[in-house]
C-alpha atoms as a PDB file:
ATOM      1  CA  MET A   1      16.523 -14.419 -21.276  1.00  0.00           C
ATOM      2  CA  ALA A   2      16.025 -12.602 -24.999  1.00  0.00           C
ATOM      3  CA  VAL A   3      15.204 -15.023 -28.426  1.00  0.00           C
ATOM      4  CA  GLU A   4      14.499 -14.402 -31.802  1.00  0.00           C
ATOM      5  CA  VAL A   5      12.496 -15.873 -34.634  1.00  0.00           C
ATOM      6  CA  GLY A   6      14.844 -19.323 -36.016  1.00  0.00           C
ATOM      7  CA  HIS A   7      16.325 -19.880 -32.565  1.00  0.00           C
ATOM      8  CA  ARG A   8      16.551 -22.778 -30.651  1.00  0.00           C
ATOM      9  CA  VAL A   9      15.275 -23.228 -27.309  1.00  0.00           C
ATOM     10  CA  SER A  10      14.440 -25.876 -24.628  1.00  0.00           C
ATOM     11  CA  ALA A  11      11.167 -24.980 -23.042  1.00  0.00           C
ATOM     12  CA  GLU A  12       8.254 -26.996 -21.561  1.00  0.00           C
ATOM     13  CA  ALA A  13       4.317 -27.095 -22.693  1.00  0.00           C
ATOM     14  CA  ILE A  14       2.300 -25.825 -20.194  1.00  0.00           C
ATOM     15  CA  ALA A  15      -0.792 -25.133 -22.140  1.00  0.00           C
ATOM     16  CA  ILE A  16      -2.617 -26.239 -25.473  1.00  0.00           C
ATOM     17  CA  ASP A  17      -5.208 -24.466 -27.212  1.00  0.00           C
ATOM     18  CA  LEU A  18      -6.418 -26.485 -29.983  1.00  0.00           C
ATOM     19  CA  ASP A  19      -9.246 -24.141 -31.494  1.00  0.00           C
ATOM     20  CA  GLU A  20      -6.624 -22.131 -32.120  1.00  0.00           C
ATOM     21  CA  GLY A  21      -4.107 -24.590 -32.893  1.00  0.00           C
ATOM     22  CA  HIS A  22      -1.248 -22.735 -30.360  1.00  0.00           C
ATOM     23  CA  VAL A  23       1.075 -24.334 -27.158  1.00  0.00           C
ATOM     24  CA  ARG A  24       1.957 -22.166 -24.523  1.00  0.00           C
ATOM     25  CA  LEU A  25       5.867 -23.216 -23.154  1.00  0.00           C
ATOM     26  CA  ALA A  26       7.816 -22.440 -20.187  1.00  0.00           C
ATOM     27  CA  MET A  27      11.496 -21.697 -21.007  1.00  0.00           C
ATOM     28  CA  THR A  28      12.212 -21.503 -17.560  1.00  0.00           C
ATOM     29  CA  ALA A  29      11.309 -25.226 -17.015  1.00  0.00           C
ATOM     30  CA  ALA A  30      14.615 -25.706 -18.605  1.00  0.00           C
ATOM     31  CA  GLU A  31      16.718 -23.400 -17.227  1.00  0.00           C
ATOM     32  CA  ASN A  32      15.757 -23.889 -13.976  1.00  0.00           C
ATOM     33  CA  PRO A  33      14.244 -27.163 -13.336  1.00  0.00           C
ATOM     34  CA  GLU A  34      15.124 -27.436  -9.908  1.00  0.00           C
ATOM     35  CA  LEU A  35      12.562 -24.077  -9.174  1.00  0.00           C
ATOM     36  CA  TRP A  36      10.539 -25.677 -12.055  1.00  0.00           C
ATOM     37  CA  ALA A  37      10.388 -29.316 -10.093  1.00  0.00           C
ATOM     38  CA  PHE A  38       8.827 -27.396  -6.671  1.00  0.00           C
ATOM     39  CA  LEU A  39       6.313 -25.175  -8.009  1.00  0.00           C
ATOM     40  CA  LYS A  40       4.927 -28.241  -9.871  1.00  0.00           C
ATOM     41  CA  ALA A  41       4.686 -30.042  -6.476  1.00  0.00           C
ATOM     42  CA  ARG A  42       2.497 -27.805  -4.563  1.00  0.00           C
ATOM     43  CA  GLN A  43      -0.452 -28.428  -3.832  1.00  0.00           C
ATOM     44  CA  SER A  44      -3.776 -25.402  -3.780  1.00  0.00           C
ATOM     45  CA  GLY A  45      -3.907 -25.061  -0.203  1.00  0.00           C
ATOM     46  CA  GLU A  46      -0.670 -25.832   1.283  1.00  0.00           C
ATOM     47  CA  ILE A  47       0.824 -23.896   3.727  1.00  0.00           C
ATOM     48  CA  LEU A  48       4.214 -22.326   3.128  1.00  0.00           C
ATOM     49  CA  SER A  49       6.431 -20.805   5.621  1.00  0.00           C
ATOM     50  CA  GLY A  50       9.143 -18.201   4.479  1.00  0.00           C
ATOM     51  CA  THR A  51      10.120 -14.315   5.169  1.00  0.00           C
ATOM     52  CA  VAL A  52       9.781 -10.922   3.507  1.00  0.00           C
ATOM     53  CA  THR A  53      12.198 -10.609   1.042  1.00  0.00           C
ATOM     54  CA  ALA A  54      10.801  -6.808  -0.617  1.00  0.00           C
ATOM     55  CA  ILE A  55       8.272  -5.293  -0.330  1.00  0.00           C
ATOM     56  CA  GLU A  56       6.708  -3.489  -3.934  1.00  0.00           C
ATOM     57  CA  ARG A  57       3.710  -1.146  -4.448  1.00  0.00           C
ATOM     58  CA  PHE A  58       1.988  -4.780  -6.246  1.00  0.00           C
ATOM     59  CA  GLY A  59       3.126  -7.131  -3.636  1.00  0.00           C
ATOM     60  CA  VAL A  60       5.344  -9.249  -1.431  1.00  0.00           C
ATOM     61  CA  PHE A  61       7.888 -11.065  -2.988  1.00  0.00           C
ATOM     62  CA  VAL A  62       8.034 -14.040   0.281  1.00  0.00           C
ATOM     63  CA  ALA A  63      11.423 -16.612   0.427  1.00  0.00           C
ATOM     64  CA  LEU A  64      10.715 -20.045   1.346  1.00  0.00           C
ATOM     65  CA  ASP A  65      11.984 -22.194   3.672  1.00  0.00           C
ATOM     66  CA  ASP A  66      11.860 -25.163   1.181  1.00  0.00           C
ATOM     67  CA  GLY A  67      12.253 -23.134  -1.972  1.00  0.00           C
ATOM     68  CA  PRO A  68      15.632 -22.925  -4.205  1.00  0.00           C
ATOM     69  CA  GLU A  69      16.288 -18.914  -5.048  1.00  0.00           C
ATOM     70  CA  HIS A  70      14.529 -17.410  -7.748  1.00  0.00           C
ATOM     71  CA  PRO A  71      16.623 -16.256 -10.842  1.00  0.00           C
ATOM     72  CA  VAL A  72      15.210 -12.996 -11.286  1.00  0.00           C
ATOM     73  CA  PHE A  73      13.185 -12.194  -7.750  1.00  0.00           C
ATOM     74  CA  PRO A  74      13.796 -12.080  -4.363  1.00  0.00           C
ATOM     75  CA  GLY A  75      11.843 -14.411  -3.960  1.00  0.00           C
ATOM     76  CA  VAL A  76       9.870 -17.357  -5.316  1.00  0.00           C
ATOM     77  CA  GLY A  77       6.807 -16.605  -3.366  1.00  0.00           C
ATOM     78  CA  PHE A  78       4.642 -13.672  -4.121  1.00  0.00           C
ATOM     79  CA  ILE A  79       1.650 -12.123  -1.971  1.00  0.00           C
ATOM     80  CA  THR A  80      -0.385  -9.308  -4.350  1.00  0.00           C
ATOM     81  CA  ILE A  81      -2.035  -6.910  -2.353  1.00  0.00           C
ATOM     82  CA  PRO A  82      -5.514  -7.820  -1.821  1.00  0.00           C
ATOM     83  CA  GLU A  83      -4.001 -11.519  -0.546  1.00  0.00           C
ATOM     84  CA  LEU A  84      -2.309  -9.582   2.365  1.00  0.00           C
ATOM     85  CA  SER A  85      -5.522  -8.834   4.893  1.00  0.00           C
ATOM     86  CA  TRP A  86      -9.326  -9.313   4.990  1.00  0.00           C
ATOM     87  CA  ARG A  87      -9.177  -5.666   6.024  1.00  0.00           C
ATOM     88  CA  ARG A  88      -8.922  -2.241   4.468  1.00  0.00           C
ATOM     89  CA  ILE A  89      -4.660  -1.336   4.502  1.00  0.00           C
ATOM     90  CA  GLU A  90      -3.762   1.618   3.556  1.00  0.00           C
ATOM     91  CA  THR A  91       0.276   0.191   3.343  1.00  0.00           C
ATOM     92  CA  VAL A  92       1.781  -2.869   2.774  1.00  0.00           C
ATOM     93  CA  SER A  93       4.071  -1.914   6.082  1.00  0.00           C
ATOM     94  CA  ASP A  94       0.910  -1.742   7.970  1.00  0.00           C
ATOM     95  CA  VAL A  95       0.607  -6.056   7.758  1.00  0.00           C
ATOM     96  CA  VAL A  96       4.058  -7.188   6.990  1.00  0.00           C
ATOM     97  CA  GLN A  97       7.697  -5.883   7.446  1.00  0.00           C
ATOM     98  CA  VAL A  98      10.782  -7.006   5.178  1.00  0.00           C
ATOM     99  CA  GLY A  99      12.502 -10.081   7.425  1.00  0.00           C
ATOM    100  CA  GLN A 100       9.213 -10.397   9.234  1.00  0.00           C
ATOM    101  CA  ARG A 101       8.433 -14.450   9.454  1.00  0.00           C
ATOM    102  CA  VAL A 102       4.940 -15.304   7.225  1.00  0.00           C
ATOM    103  CA  SER A 103       3.114 -19.011   6.590  1.00  0.00           C
ATOM    104  CA  CYS A 104       1.054 -18.120   3.605  1.00  0.00           C
ATOM    105  CA  GLU A 105      -1.572 -20.771   2.236  1.00  0.00           C
ATOM    106  CA  PHE A 106      -0.832 -21.771  -1.465  1.00  0.00           C
ATOM    107  CA  LEU A 107      -3.112 -20.605  -4.229  1.00  0.00           C
ATOM    108  CA  GLN A 108      -1.206 -21.556  -8.185  1.00  0.00           C
ATOM    109  CA  PHE A 109       2.116 -21.524  -9.664  1.00  0.00           C
ATOM    110  CA  ASP A 110       2.346 -18.434 -11.820  1.00  0.00           C
ATOM    111  CA  THR A 111       3.722 -20.089 -14.738  1.00  0.00           C
ATOM    112  CA  TRP A 112       4.424 -16.893 -16.334  1.00  0.00           C
ATOM    113  CA  ASN A 113       6.131 -15.609 -13.402  1.00  0.00           C
ATOM    114  CA  GLY A 114       7.709 -18.952 -12.221  1.00  0.00           C
ATOM    115  CA  GLU A 115       6.649 -17.967  -9.182  1.00  0.00           C
ATOM    116  CA  ALA A 116       4.106 -19.122  -6.290  1.00  0.00           C
ATOM    117  CA  ARG A 117       1.292 -17.366  -5.963  1.00  0.00           C
ATOM    118  CA  LEU A 118       0.582 -17.126  -2.047  1.00  0.00           C
ATOM    119  CA  SER A 119      -2.337 -16.102   0.333  1.00  0.00           C
ATOM    120  CA  LEU A 120      -1.252 -14.118   3.270  1.00  0.00           C
ATOM    121  CA  LYS A 121      -5.421 -14.070   4.157  1.00  0.00           C
ATOM    122  CA  GLY A 122      -6.006 -17.245   3.188  1.00  0.00           C
ATOM    123  CA  THR A 123      -4.225 -18.153   6.820  1.00  0.00           C
ATOM    124  CA  GLN A 124      -6.996 -15.998   8.971  1.00  0.00           C
ATOM    125  CA  PRO A 125     -10.415 -16.308   9.284  1.00  0.00           C
ATOM    126  CA  ASP A 126     -12.391 -14.598   7.145  1.00  0.00           C
ATOM    127  CA  PRO A 127     -14.073 -11.600  10.217  1.00  0.00           C
ATOM    128  CA  TRP A 128     -16.898 -12.118   6.738  1.00  0.00           C
ATOM    129  CA  GLN A 129     -17.806 -15.313   8.263  1.00  0.00           C
ATOM    130  CA  ALA A 130     -18.751 -13.823  11.728  1.00  0.00           C
ATOM    131  CA  LEU A 131     -21.342 -11.860  10.585  1.00  0.00           C
ATOM    132  CA  THR A 132     -24.798 -13.597  10.221  1.00  0.00           C
ATOM    133  CA  VAL A 133     -28.228 -12.025  10.004  1.00  0.00           C
ATOM    134  CA  GLY A 134     -29.836 -11.047  13.157  1.00  0.00           C
ATOM    135  CA  GLN A 135     -27.039 -10.823  15.042  1.00  0.00           C
ATOM    136  CA  SER A 136     -26.825  -8.009  17.455  1.00  0.00           C
ATOM    137  CA  VAL A 137     -23.343  -6.493  17.591  1.00  0.00           C
ATOM    138  CA  ARG A 138     -21.561  -2.807  19.257  1.00  0.00           C
ATOM    139  CA  GLY A 139     -19.583  -0.413  17.114  1.00  0.00           C
ATOM    140  CA  GLN A 140     -18.980   3.881  16.772  1.00  0.00           C
ATOM    141  CA  VAL A 141     -20.407   5.713  14.174  1.00  0.00           C
ATOM    142  CA  THR A 142     -17.538   6.283  11.544  1.00  0.00           C
ATOM    143  CA  LYS A 143     -19.903   8.488   9.325  1.00  0.00           C
ATOM    144  CA  LEU A 144     -23.040  10.260   8.560  1.00  0.00           C
ATOM    145  CA  VAL A 145     -24.203  10.655   5.028  1.00  0.00           C
ATOM    146  CA  PRO A 146     -27.825  12.245   4.523  1.00  0.00           C
ATOM    147  CA  PHE A 147     -28.941   8.818   4.031  1.00  0.00           C
ATOM    148  CA  GLY A 148     -27.968   7.402   7.176  1.00  0.00           C
ATOM    149  CA  VAL A 149     -24.557   6.213   8.692  1.00  0.00           C
ATOM    150  CA  PHE A 150     -21.769   3.708   8.195  1.00  0.00           C
ATOM    151  CA  VAL A 151     -20.986   2.080  11.651  1.00  0.00           C
ATOM    152  CA  ARG A 152     -17.584   0.345  11.619  1.00  0.00           C
ATOM    153  CA  VAL A 153     -19.007  -3.699  13.562  1.00  0.00           C
ATOM    154  CA  ALA A 154     -14.717  -5.219  13.368  1.00  0.00           C
ATOM    155  CA  GLU A 155     -11.530  -4.222  12.652  1.00  0.00           C
ATOM    156  CA  GLY A 156     -12.243  -3.387   7.953  1.00  0.00           C
ATOM    157  CA  ILE A 157     -15.563  -4.039   8.429  1.00  0.00           C
ATOM    158  CA  GLU A 158     -18.205  -1.492   8.594  1.00  0.00           C
ATOM    159  CA  GLY A 159     -22.082  -1.153   7.661  1.00  0.00           C
ATOM    160  CA  LEU A 160     -24.403   1.016   6.534  1.00  0.00           C
ATOM    161  CA  VAL A 161     -27.776   1.818   8.770  1.00  0.00           C
ATOM    162  CA  HIS A 162     -29.948   3.650   6.201  1.00  0.00           C
ATOM    163  CA  LEU A 163     -31.773   7.130   7.664  1.00  0.00           C
ATOM    164  CA  ASP A 164     -34.885   4.712   8.275  1.00  0.00           C
ATOM    165  CA  GLU A 165     -33.291   2.291  10.407  1.00  0.00           C
ATOM    166  CA  LEU A 166     -31.925   4.668  12.543  1.00  0.00           C
ATOM    167  CA  ALA A 167     -34.415   5.677  14.766  1.00  0.00           C
ATOM    168  CA  TRP A 168     -37.796   4.470  16.447  1.00  0.00           C
ATOM    169  CA  THR A 169     -38.927   7.584  15.274  1.00  0.00           C
ATOM    170  CA  PRO A 170     -38.857   9.353  12.125  1.00  0.00           C
ATOM    171  CA  VAL A 171     -35.478  11.787  12.071  1.00  0.00           C
ATOM    172  CA  ALA A 172     -34.887  14.727   9.203  1.00  0.00           C
ATOM    173  CA  GLY A 173     -31.128  13.657   9.020  1.00  0.00           C
ATOM    174  CA  PRO A 174     -28.269  11.218  11.250  1.00  0.00           C
ATOM    175  CA  GLN A 175     -27.310  14.188  13.102  1.00  0.00           C
ATOM    176  CA  ASP A 176     -30.540  14.512  15.375  1.00  0.00           C
ATOM    177  CA  VAL A 177     -29.620  10.963  17.013  1.00  0.00           C
ATOM    178  CA  VAL A 178     -25.669  10.117  16.664  1.00  0.00           C
ATOM    179  CA  GLU A 179     -22.560  11.903  16.228  1.00  0.00           C
ATOM    180  CA  VAL A 180     -19.178  10.312  14.866  1.00  0.00           C
ATOM    181  CA  GLY A 181     -17.720   8.114  17.134  1.00  0.00           C
ATOM    182  CA  ASP A 182     -20.688   7.180  18.809  1.00  0.00           C
ATOM    183  CA  GLU A 183     -20.694   3.508  20.352  1.00  0.00           C
ATOM    184  CA  VAL A 184     -24.236   2.534  19.088  1.00  0.00           C
ATOM    185  CA  THR A 185     -25.568  -1.303  18.943  1.00  0.00           C
ATOM    186  CA  VAL A 186     -26.592  -2.568  15.601  1.00  0.00           C
ATOM    187  CA  VAL A 187     -29.103  -5.664  14.304  1.00  0.00           C
ATOM    188  CA  VAL A 188     -27.159  -6.890  11.019  1.00  0.00           C
ATOM    189  CA  THR A 189     -30.120  -7.447   8.889  1.00  0.00           C
ATOM    190  CA  GLU A 190     -27.893  -8.066   5.535  1.00  0.00           C
ATOM    191  CA  VAL A 191     -24.375  -9.841   4.419  1.00  0.00           C
ATOM    192  CA  ASP A 192     -23.601  -9.850   1.388  1.00  0.00           C
ATOM    193  CA  ARG A 193     -20.264 -11.229   1.523  1.00  0.00           C
ATOM    194  CA  GLU A 194     -19.483 -11.854  -2.161  1.00  0.00           C
ATOM    195  CA  ARG A 195     -19.627  -7.851  -2.487  1.00  0.00           C
ATOM    196  CA  ARG A 196     -18.312  -6.819   0.826  1.00  0.00           C
ATOM    197  CA  ARG A 197     -21.826  -5.514   2.114  1.00  0.00           C
ATOM    198  CA  LEU A 198     -23.190  -4.663   4.805  1.00  0.00           C
ATOM    199  CA  SER A 199     -27.148  -3.270   5.936  1.00  0.00           C
ATOM    200  CA  LEU A 200     -27.577  -3.139  10.084  1.00  0.00           C
ATOM    201  CA  SER A 201     -31.107  -1.198  11.769  1.00  0.00           C
ATOM    202  CA  ARG A 202     -30.598   0.423  15.092  1.00  0.00           C
ATOM    203  CA  ARG A 203     -34.914   0.242  15.379  1.00  0.00           C
ATOM    204  CA  GLN A 204     -34.640  -3.544  15.357  1.00  0.00           C
ATOM    205  CA  VAL A 205     -32.651  -3.797  18.532  1.00  0.00           C
ATOM    206  CA  SER A 206     -34.947  -5.068  21.050  1.00  0.00           C
ATOM    207  CA  PRO A 207     -35.246  -3.183  24.242  1.00  0.00           C
ATOM    208  CA  ASP A 208     -33.468  -5.121  26.023  1.00  0.00           C
ATOM    209  CA  SER A 209     -29.777  -4.023  24.238  1.00  0.00           C
ATOM    210  CA  ARG A 210     -30.326  -0.153  23.427  1.00  0.00           C
END
């Protein structure tokens, strides 16, 4: 609903900035009390189920089983692209389809849009947590670069084997040792879960695992 200076409105105060002397108001609280009450009652980490109602380039709308209808959007729940999957995805439809049933983790109450921000990947194990330094894994070579090769060790996870760690003797280039598509055994030498970076070594693989 559009408002103008001088109009009287009904709203709920959701934030107060004492330093700036500002109060943030939400008109949704007065216009849609059922929706507001439902969202305020949600707890971070709570698992909510629903049906995918619309797929947009910026995310996915979900109609929650126990939630009211949204006055504007096709669902009270919303999943942003980064919260759909732990792996890299080309298109949203690679993960979900309209009409699909999903269970998601509740992240927060978006007071601006009056919606529940959800995470689909939050209900799935993070594959990065399974990687540890010193671990030997099998993977497929996906790309050759002048300074080494990239190896896919799990769905959506690729690590770099530096040229110095590619062979047991010095080599001029990665093409002297492997080709794209080769299956190799590597050792995890560094895991940066925050930046999603993985360092690997083929040279450190024990003779029994080669």
